[in-house]
Amino acid sequence: MKLYYGEKLLGDITTNHSMSIEDAAEILDIDLTALDENDEPVYDYDLFRMEW
């Protein structure tokens, strides 16, 4: 499965089971709750999508 943020491919994970965006982000070492220097979220959760 592939994890995208907007149109950007963040990673490709080979698996034989389904997983959530949170699971995929953890495997790819992406912190979904990361904040920038102004304490604003780095990621907009609605822009994440997965393809199988």
PDB file of N, CA and C in Angstrom:
ATOM      1  N   MET A   1       0.830  -1.168   0.000  1.00  0.00           N
ATOM      2  CA  MET A   1       0.000   0.000   0.000  1.00  0.00           C
ATOM      3  C   MET A   1       0.874   1.231   0.000  1.00  0.00           C
ATOM      4  N   LYS A   2       0.330   2.313  -0.514  1.00  0.00           N
ATOM      5  CA  LYS A   2       1.071   3.567  -0.617  1.00  0.00           C
ATOM      6  C   LYS A   2       0.374   4.625   0.229  1.00  0.00           C
ATOM      7  N   LEU A   3       1.183   5.415   0.922  1.00  0.00           N
ATOM      8  CA  LEU A   3       0.655   6.508   1.728  1.00  0.00           C
ATOM      9  C   LEU A   3       1.033   7.815   1.049  1.00  0.00           C
ATOM     10  N   TYR A   4       0.012   8.632   0.779  1.00  0.00           N
ATOM     11  CA  TYR A   4       0.201   9.925   0.135  1.00  0.00           C
ATOM     12  C   TYR A   4      -0.201  11.040   1.082  1.00  0.00           C
ATOM     13  N   TYR A   5       0.465  12.185   0.923  1.00  0.00           N
ATOM     14  CA  TYR A   5       0.046  13.424   1.567  1.00  0.00           C
ATOM     15  C   TYR A   5      -0.197  14.404   0.436  1.00  0.00           C
ATOM     16  N   GLY A   6      -1.457  14.673   0.164  1.00  0.00           N
ATOM     17  CA  GLY A   6      -1.796  15.414  -1.046  1.00  0.00           C
ATOM     18  C   GLY A   6      -1.411  14.547  -2.233  1.00  0.00           C
ATOM     19  N   GLU A   7      -0.597  15.072  -3.110  1.00  0.00           N
ATOM     20  CA  GLU A   7      -0.127  14.303  -4.268  1.00  0.00           C
ATOM     21  C   GLU A   7       1.251  13.690  -4.036  1.00  0.00           C
ATOM     22  N   LYS A   8       1.874  13.988  -2.898  1.00  0.00           N
ATOM     23  CA  LYS A   8       3.228  13.505  -2.615  1.00  0.00           C
ATOM     24  C   LYS A   8       3.189  12.100  -2.006  1.00  0.00           C
ATOM     25  N   LEU A   9       3.914  11.190  -2.617  1.00  0.00           N
ATOM     26  CA  LEU A   9       4.044   9.836  -2.081  1.00  0.00           C
ATOM     27  C   LEU A   9       5.012   9.869  -0.905  1.00  0.00           C
ATOM     28  N   LEU A  10       4.530   9.468   0.270  1.00  0.00           N
ATOM     29  CA  LEU A  10       5.372   9.452   1.462  1.00  0.00           C
ATOM     30  C   LEU A  10       6.075   8.122   1.655  1.00  0.00           C
ATOM     31  N   GLY A  11       5.475   7.053   1.162  1.00  0.00           N
ATOM     32  CA  GLY A  11       6.097   5.751   1.324  1.00  0.00           C
ATOM     33  C   GLY A  11       5.240   4.643   0.768  1.00  0.00           C
ATOM     34  N   ASP A  12       5.897   3.514   0.562  1.00  0.00           N
ATOM     35  CA  ASP A  12       5.260   2.317   0.023  1.00  0.00           C
ATOM     36  C   ASP A  12       5.541   1.183   1.000  1.00  0.00           C
ATOM     37  N   ILE A  13       4.493   0.529   1.478  1.00  0.00           N
ATOM     38  CA  ILE A  13       4.627  -0.533   2.471  1.00  0.00           C
ATOM     39  C   ILE A  13       4.073  -1.821   1.881  1.00  0.00           C
ATOM     40  N   THR A  14       4.864  -2.871   1.933  1.00  0.00           N
ATOM     41  CA  THR A  14       4.401  -4.182   1.493  1.00  0.00           C
ATOM     42  C   THR A  14       3.833  -4.917   2.698  1.00  0.00           C
ATOM     43  N   THR A  15       2.568  -5.300   2.599  1.00  0.00           N
ATOM     44  CA  THR A  15       1.902  -5.974   3.708  1.00  0.00           C
ATOM     45  C   THR A  15       0.817  -6.897   3.162  1.00  0.00           C
ATOM     46  N   ASN A  16       0.425  -7.853   3.968  1.00  0.00           N
ATOM     47  CA  ASN A  16      -0.658  -8.749   3.561  1.00  0.00           C
ATOM     48  C   ASN A  16      -1.925  -8.492   4.383  1.00  0.00           C
ATOM     49  N   HIS A  17      -1.993  -7.353   5.048  1.00  0.00           N
ATOM     50  CA  HIS A  17      -3.197  -6.998   5.794  1.00  0.00           C
ATOM     51  C   HIS A  17      -3.475  -5.502   5.654  1.00  0.00           C
ATOM     52  N   SER A  18      -4.704  -5.118   5.927  1.00  0.00           N
ATOM     53  CA  SER A  18      -5.053  -3.703   5.842  1.00  0.00           C
ATOM     54  C   SER A  18      -4.530  -2.974   7.074  1.00  0.00           C
ATOM     55  N   MET A  19      -4.338  -1.685   6.925  1.00  0.00           N
ATOM     56  CA  MET A  19      -3.866  -0.880   8.049  1.00  0.00           C
ATOM     57  C   MET A  19      -4.440   0.520   7.928  1.00  0.00           C
ATOM     58  N   SER A  20      -4.417   1.218   9.038  1.00  0.00           N
ATOM     59  CA  SER A  20      -4.930   2.581   9.076  1.00  0.00           C
ATOM     60  C   SER A  20      -3.833   3.557   8.656  1.00  0.00           C
ATOM     61  N   ILE A  21      -4.225   4.790   8.435  1.00  0.00           N
ATOM     62  CA  ILE A  21      -3.250   5.839   8.142  1.00  0.00           C
ATOM     63  C   ILE A  21      -2.283   5.969   9.308  1.00  0.00           C
ATOM     64  N   GLU A  22      -2.785   5.865  10.524  1.00  0.00           N
ATOM     65  CA  GLU A  22      -1.934   5.967  11.711  1.00  0.00           C
ATOM     66  C   GLU A  22      -0.887   4.854  11.740  1.00  0.00           C
ATOM     67  N   ASP A  23      -1.310   3.629  11.422  1.00  0.00           N
ATOM     68  CA  ASP A  23      -0.375   2.499  11.389  1.00  0.00           C
ATOM     69  C   ASP A  23       0.703   2.718  10.332  1.00  0.00           C
ATOM     70  N   ALA A  24       0.288   3.144   9.146  1.00  0.00           N
ATOM     71  CA  ALA A  24       1.238   3.371   8.058  1.00  0.00           C
ATOM     72  C   ALA A  24       2.216   4.485   8.419  1.00  0.00           C
ATOM     73  N   ALA A  25       1.714   5.565   8.996  1.00  0.00           N
ATOM     74  CA  ALA A  25       2.582   6.678   9.385  1.00  0.00           C
ATOM     75  C   ALA A  25       3.604   6.226  10.423  1.00  0.00           C
ATOM     76  N   GLU A  26       3.190   5.407  11.364  1.00  0.00           N
ATOM     77  CA  GLU A  26       4.119   4.911  12.385  1.00  0.00           C
ATOM     78  C   GLU A  26       5.228   4.077  11.753  1.00  0.00           C
ATOM     79  N   ILE A  27       4.870   3.200  10.823  1.00  0.00           N
ATOM     80  CA  ILE A  27       5.872   2.372  10.147  1.00  0.00           C
ATOM     81  C   ILE A  27       6.851   3.243   9.370  1.00  0.00           C
ATOM     82  N   LEU A  28       6.343   4.322   8.765  1.00  0.00           N
ATOM     83  CA  LEU A  28       7.185   5.212   7.962  1.00  0.00           C
ATOM     84  C   LEU A  28       7.856   6.297   8.804  1.00  0.00           C
ATOM     85  N   ASP A  29       7.682   6.236  10.122  1.00  0.00           N
ATOM     86  CA  ASP A  29       8.280   7.186  11.063  1.00  0.00           C
ATOM     87  C   ASP A  29       7.831   8.624  10.785  1.00  0.00           C
ATOM     88  N   ILE A  30       6.529   8.789  10.583  1.00  0.00           N
ATOM     89  CA  ILE A  30       5.931  10.100  10.365  1.00  0.00           C
ATOM     90  C   ILE A  30       5.089  10.433  11.588  1.00  0.00           C
ATOM     91  N   ASP A  31       5.365  11.569  12.213  1.00  0.00           N
ATOM     92  CA  ASP A  31       4.628  12.004  13.399  1.00  0.00           C
ATOM     93  C   ASP A  31       3.423  12.835  12.959  1.00  0.00           C
ATOM     94  N   LEU A  32       2.243  12.241  13.004  1.00  0.00           N
ATOM     95  CA  LEU A  32       1.028  12.923  12.561  1.00  0.00           C
ATOM     96  C   LEU A  32       0.662  14.103  13.451  1.00  0.00           C
ATOM     97  N   THR A  33       1.194  14.146  14.658  1.00  0.00           N
ATOM     98  CA  THR A  33       0.871  15.222  15.593  1.00  0.00           C
ATOM     99  C   THR A  33       1.981  16.263  15.690  1.00  0.00           C
ATOM    100  N   ALA A  34       2.942  16.224  14.775  1.00  0.00           N
ATOM    101  CA  ALA A  34       4.072  17.158  14.808  1.00  0.00           C
ATOM    102  C   ALA A  34       3.587  18.602  14.661  1.00  0.00           C
ATOM    103  N   LEU A  35       4.267  19.487  15.366  1.00  0.00           N
ATOM    104  CA  LEU A  35       3.979  20.918  15.297  1.00  0.00           C
ATOM    105  C   LEU A  35       5.194  21.648  14.736  1.00  0.00           C
ATOM    106  N   ASP A  36       4.943  22.759  14.027  1.00  0.00           N
ATOM    107  CA  ASP A  36       6.058  23.557  13.519  1.00  0.00           C
ATOM    108  C   ASP A  36       6.522  24.528  14.601  1.00  0.00           C
ATOM    109  N   GLU A  37       7.418  25.433  14.236  1.00  0.00           N
ATOM    110  CA  GLU A  37       7.989  26.357  15.225  1.00  0.00           C
ATOM    111  C   GLU A  37       6.962  27.342  15.780  1.00  0.00           C
ATOM    112  N   ASN A  38       5.816  27.491  15.111  1.00  0.00           N
ATOM    113  CA  ASN A  38       4.741  28.367  15.589  1.00  0.00           C
ATOM    114  C   ASN A  38       3.622  27.591  16.278  1.00  0.00           C
ATOM    115  N   ASP A  39       3.924  26.358  16.648  1.00  0.00           N
ATOM    116  CA  ASP A  39       2.957  25.468  17.291  1.00  0.00           C
ATOM    117  C   ASP A  39       1.719  25.201  16.436  1.00  0.00           C
ATOM    118  N   GLU A  40       1.900  25.246  15.133  1.00  0.00           N
ATOM    119  CA  GLU A  40       0.844  24.890  14.187  1.00  0.00           C
ATOM    120  C   GLU A  40       1.092  23.463  13.710  1.00  0.00           C
ATOM    121  N   PRO A  41       0.048  22.701  13.455  1.00  0.00           N
ATOM    122  CA  PRO A  41       0.243  21.328  12.960  1.00  0.00           C
ATOM    123  C   PRO A  41       1.008  21.317  11.636  1.00  0.00           C
ATOM    124  N   VAL A  42       1.942  20.396  11.512  1.00  0.00           N
ATOM    125  CA  VAL A  42       2.713  20.238  10.276  1.00  0.00           C
ATOM    126  C   VAL A  42       1.834  19.617   9.194  1.00  0.00           C
ATOM    127  N   TYR A  43       0.982  18.691   9.580  1.00  0.00           N
ATOM    128  CA  TYR A  43       0.157  17.955   8.626  1.00  0.00           C
ATOM    129  C   TYR A  43      -1.321  18.253   8.816  1.00  0.00           C
ATOM    130  N   ASP A  44      -2.046  18.298   7.702  1.00  0.00           N
ATOM    131  CA  ASP A  44      -3.504  18.362   7.701  1.00  0.00           C
ATOM    132  C   ASP A  44      -3.982  16.932   7.461  1.00  0.00           C
ATOM    133  N   TYR A  45      -4.570  16.316   8.465  1.00  0.00           N
ATOM    134  CA  TYR A  45      -4.945  14.901   8.389  1.00  0.00           C
ATOM    135  C   TYR A  45      -5.810  14.601   7.167  1.00  0.00           C
ATOM    136  N   ASP A  46      -6.637  15.540   6.762  1.00  0.00           N
ATOM    137  CA  ASP A  46      -7.539  15.320   5.624  1.00  0.00           C
ATOM    138  C   ASP A  46      -6.799  15.152   4.301  1.00  0.00           C
ATOM    139  N   LEU A  47      -5.525  15.520   4.253  1.00  0.00           N
ATOM    140  CA  LEU A  47      -4.755  15.392   3.012  1.00  0.00           C
ATOM    141  C   LEU A  47      -4.085  14.028   2.867  1.00  0.00           C
ATOM    142  N   PHE A  48      -4.122  13.212   3.916  1.00  0.00           N
ATOM    143  CA  PHE A  48      -3.553  11.865   3.820  1.00  0.00           C
ATOM    144  C   PHE A  48      -4.521  10.952   3.081  1.00  0.00           C
ATOM    145  N   ARG A  49      -3.968  10.067   2.260  1.00  0.00           N
ATOM    146  CA  ARG A  49      -4.776   9.037   1.611  1.00  0.00           C
ATOM    147  C   ARG A  49      -3.903   7.820   1.363  1.00  0.00           C
ATOM    148  N   MET A  50      -4.570   6.687   1.234  1.00  0.00           N
ATOM    149  CA  MET A  50      -3.852   5.434   0.998  1.00  0.00           C
ATOM    150  C   MET A  50      -4.378   4.783  -0.269  1.00  0.00           C
ATOM    151  N   GLU A  51      -3.486   4.119  -0.982  1.00  0.00           N
ATOM    152  CA  GLU A  51      -3.855   3.339  -2.165  1.00  0.00           C
ATOM    153  C   GLU A  51      -3.290   1.945  -2.008  1.00  0.00           C
ATOM    154  N   TRP A  52      -4.061   0.976  -2.466  1.00  0.00           N
ATOM    155  CA  TRP A  52      -3.600  -0.410  -2.401  1.00  0.00           C
ATOM    156  C   TRP A  52      -3.360  -0.946  -3.773  1.00  0.00           C
TER     157      TRP A  52
END
